[in-house]
Amino acid sequence: AAQLHRPDLVNLVVQILGETGLSGDRLVLELTESSLVEDIEAVVERMHALKPLGVRFAIDDFGTGYSSFAYLAQLPVSRLKIDQSFVTALTHSAEATKVVTGLVELAHRLQLDVVAEGVENSAQAAFLRQIGCNILQGYYYSPPLSPDEFLQFLRSH
């Protein structure tokens, strides 16, 4: 959140992309809803300045904070991340199932990709795939890995 409020953020990202050779379309910056509350105009300006570089934005933990749907229409985001608390509740809560299904449908209508955080079992994964969730992440697939462990994981899969 603090980085979004840096006046030099755009220059910093341009510099880092140049130094690393990373294409801007491979970079997704995650924003929490709470980071958008303070000085949203400046944050939106920086987002629009980074968008021509291909940089994409995701709203992380959607539904756990201020949850303004106005953000989804106003901000140049390409991805919505559903908080793991909703995913965890899928197997035992009809309300959570309805909320997650609605969020996925809303995101797709807004042409956003959807990431489900905290997928821990095959039932959750199957349900999320069935309703069209684009990306699933969690311990069901892998715990967090160091760079070396990640390379080894990629080679073996």
Protein backbone atom coordinates (compact mmCIF):
# COMPACT_ATOMS: atom_id res chain seq x y z
CA ALA A 1 0.00 0.00 0.00
CA ALA A 2 2.80 2.43 0.84
CA GLN A 3 4.40 1.93 -2.58
CA LEU A 4 1.19 3.00 -4.34
CA HIS A 5 1.49 6.35 -2.65
CA ARG A 6 5.10 6.93 -3.76
CA PRO A 7 5.22 9.85 -6.21
CA ASP A 8 8.08 8.11 -8.06
CA LEU A 9 6.31 4.75 -8.43
CA VAL A 10 5.92 4.96 -12.21
CA ASN A 11 9.60 5.86 -12.73
CA LEU A 12 10.64 3.12 -10.31
CA VAL A 13 8.65 0.45 -12.17
CA VAL A 14 10.01 1.66 -15.54
CA GLN A 15 13.55 1.48 -14.12
CA ILE A 16 13.07 -2.02 -12.68
CA LEU A 17 11.50 -3.33 -15.89
CA GLY A 18 14.48 -1.94 -17.81
CA GLU A 19 17.05 -3.41 -15.42
CA THR A 20 15.47 -6.86 -15.29
CA GLY A 21 14.31 -7.10 -18.90
CA LEU A 22 10.89 -8.16 -17.67
CA SER A 23 8.07 -7.32 -20.03
CA GLY A 24 5.46 -5.09 -18.37
CA ASP A 25 2.68 -7.51 -19.28
CA ARG A 26 4.31 -10.10 -16.99
CA LEU A 27 3.93 -7.83 -13.96
CA VAL A 28 0.79 -7.84 -11.84
CA LEU A 29 0.71 -5.40 -8.93
CA GLU A 30 -1.66 -6.37 -6.16
CA LEU A 31 -3.69 -3.71 -4.39
CA THR A 32 -5.63 -4.20 -1.22
CA GLU A 33 -8.90 -2.40 -0.87
CA SER A 34 -7.58 -0.51 2.14
CA SER A 35 -4.67 0.86 0.08
CA LEU A 36 -7.18 2.57 -2.20
CA VAL A 37 -8.95 4.53 0.50
CA GLU A 38 -6.25 7.14 1.01
CA ASP A 39 -5.71 9.50 -1.95
CA ILE A 40 -7.45 7.35 -4.54
CA GLU A 41 -7.01 10.01 -7.23
CA ALA A 42 -3.21 9.76 -7.06
CA VAL A 43 -3.33 5.95 -7.03
CA VAL A 44 -5.62 5.89 -10.08
CA GLU A 45 -3.31 8.34 -11.87
CA ARG A 46 -0.29 6.08 -11.23
CA MET A 47 -2.24 3.02 -12.35
CA HIS A 48 -3.21 4.70 -15.62
CA ALA A 49 0.41 5.76 -16.18
CA LEU A 50 1.60 2.14 -15.76
CA LYS A 51 -1.12 0.53 -17.86
CA PRO A 52 0.45 1.49 -21.26
CA LEU A 53 3.54 -0.47 -20.16
CA GLY A 54 1.36 -3.58 -19.93
CA VAL A 55 1.41 -3.63 -16.13
CA ARG A 56 -1.77 -5.19 -14.76
CA PHE A 57 -3.44 -4.76 -11.40
CA ALA A 58 -5.27 -7.13 -9.08
CA ILE A 59 -7.49 -6.26 -6.15
CA ASP A 60 -6.40 -8.62 -3.38
CA ASP A 61 -8.64 -10.03 -0.63
CA PHE A 62 -11.75 -8.63 -2.28
CA GLY A 63 -14.76 -8.72 -0.02
CA THR A 64 -12.93 -8.47 3.29
CA GLY A 65 -12.44 -4.72 3.53
CA TYR A 66 -14.28 -1.75 2.17
CA SER A 67 -15.59 -3.68 -0.86
CA SER A 68 -16.80 -0.82 -2.96
CA PHE A 69 -18.03 -2.01 -6.33
CA ALA A 70 -17.23 1.48 -7.56
CA TYR A 71 -13.55 0.49 -7.44
CA LEU A 72 -14.14 -2.29 -9.94
CA ALA A 73 -15.63 0.10 -12.46
CA GLN A 74 -13.32 3.05 -11.74
CA LEU A 75 -9.90 1.39 -11.54
CA PRO A 76 -7.93 -0.13 -14.41
CA VAL A 77 -7.76 -3.56 -12.77
CA SER A 78 -7.60 -6.83 -14.69
CA ARG A 79 -7.87 -9.31 -11.85
CA LEU A 80 -9.95 -9.86 -8.73
CA LYS A 81 -8.60 -12.07 -5.95
CA ILE A 82 -11.17 -13.78 -3.75
CA ASP A 83 -10.03 -13.98 -0.15
CA GLN A 84 -9.25 -17.40 1.26
CA SER A 85 -11.86 -16.97 4.00
CA PHE A 86 -14.58 -17.37 1.34
CA VAL A 87 -12.79 -20.32 -0.28
CA THR A 88 -12.35 -22.06 3.07
CA ALA A 89 -16.07 -21.70 3.79
CA LEU A 90 -17.14 -23.22 0.44
CA THR A 91 -17.37 -26.75 1.77
CA HIS A 92 -19.65 -25.90 4.69
CA SER A 93 -21.51 -22.69 3.89
CA ALA A 94 -24.23 -22.18 1.28
CA GLU A 95 -23.80 -18.42 1.75
CA ALA A 96 -20.09 -18.58 0.93
CA THR A 97 -20.92 -20.63 -2.18
CA LYS A 98 -23.39 -17.96 -3.29
CA VAL A 99 -20.94 -15.12 -2.60
CA VAL A 100 -18.07 -16.78 -4.47
CA THR A 101 -20.31 -17.70 -7.42
CA GLY A 102 -21.60 -14.12 -7.55
CA LEU A 103 -18.12 -12.62 -7.37
CA VAL A 104 -16.87 -14.84 -10.20
CA GLU A 105 -19.88 -13.95 -12.34
CA LEU A 106 -19.53 -10.22 -11.59
CA ALA A 107 -15.80 -10.27 -12.35
CA HIS A 108 -16.33 -12.05 -15.65
CA ARG A 109 -19.04 -9.57 -16.66
CA LEU A 110 -16.48 -6.83 -16.00
CA GLN A 111 -13.95 -8.81 -18.06
CA LEU A 112 -11.71 -9.48 -15.07
CA ASP A 113 -9.79 -12.65 -14.34
CA VAL A 114 -10.57 -14.25 -10.99
CA VAL A 115 -8.02 -15.74 -8.59
CA ALA A 116 -9.19 -17.89 -5.69
CA GLU A 117 -6.77 -17.81 -2.76
CA GLY A 118 -6.37 -20.55 -0.19
CA VAL A 119 -7.48 -23.60 -2.18
CA GLU A 120 -6.70 -26.52 0.11
CA ASN A 121 -8.62 -29.51 -1.22
CA SER A 122 -9.99 -31.16 -4.35
CA ALA A 123 -13.62 -30.27 -3.56
CA GLN A 124 -12.80 -26.57 -3.46
CA ALA A 125 -10.71 -26.82 -6.63
CA ALA A 126 -13.42 -28.71 -8.51
CA PHE A 127 -16.14 -26.24 -7.51
CA LEU A 128 -14.03 -23.21 -8.41
CA ARG A 129 -13.13 -24.65 -11.80
CA GLN A 130 -16.80 -25.51 -12.40
CA ILE A 131 -17.92 -21.90 -11.84
CA GLY A 132 -15.19 -20.56 -14.10
CA CYS A 133 -12.54 -19.30 -11.70
CA ASN A 134 -9.50 -18.52 -13.85
CA ILE A 135 -6.65 -19.11 -11.40
CA LEU A 136 -6.50 -21.22 -8.24
CA GLN A 137 -3.75 -20.88 -5.69
CA GLY A 138 -3.13 -22.55 -2.37
CA TYR A 139 -1.61 -25.47 -0.53
CA TYR A 140 -3.64 -27.93 -2.61
CA TYR A 141 -1.17 -27.19 -5.39
CA SER A 142 1.95 -26.26 -3.46
CA PRO A 143 3.15 -24.52 -0.31
CA PRO A 144 5.19 -21.33 -0.78
CA LEU A 145 8.55 -22.20 -2.37
CA SER A 146 11.98 -20.63 -2.53
CA PRO A 147 13.23 -19.78 -6.05
CA ASP A 148 15.33 -22.97 -6.17
CA GLU A 149 12.44 -25.12 -4.93
CA PHE A 150 10.18 -23.48 -7.49
CA LEU A 151 12.53 -24.36 -10.36
CA GLN A 152 12.68 -27.94 -9.10
CA PHE A 153 8.86 -28.00 -8.86
CA LEU A 154 8.53 -26.73 -12.45
CA ARG A 155 10.97 -29.33 -13.75
CA SER A 156 9.13 -32.18 -12.05
CA HIS A 157 5.68 -31.04 -13.19
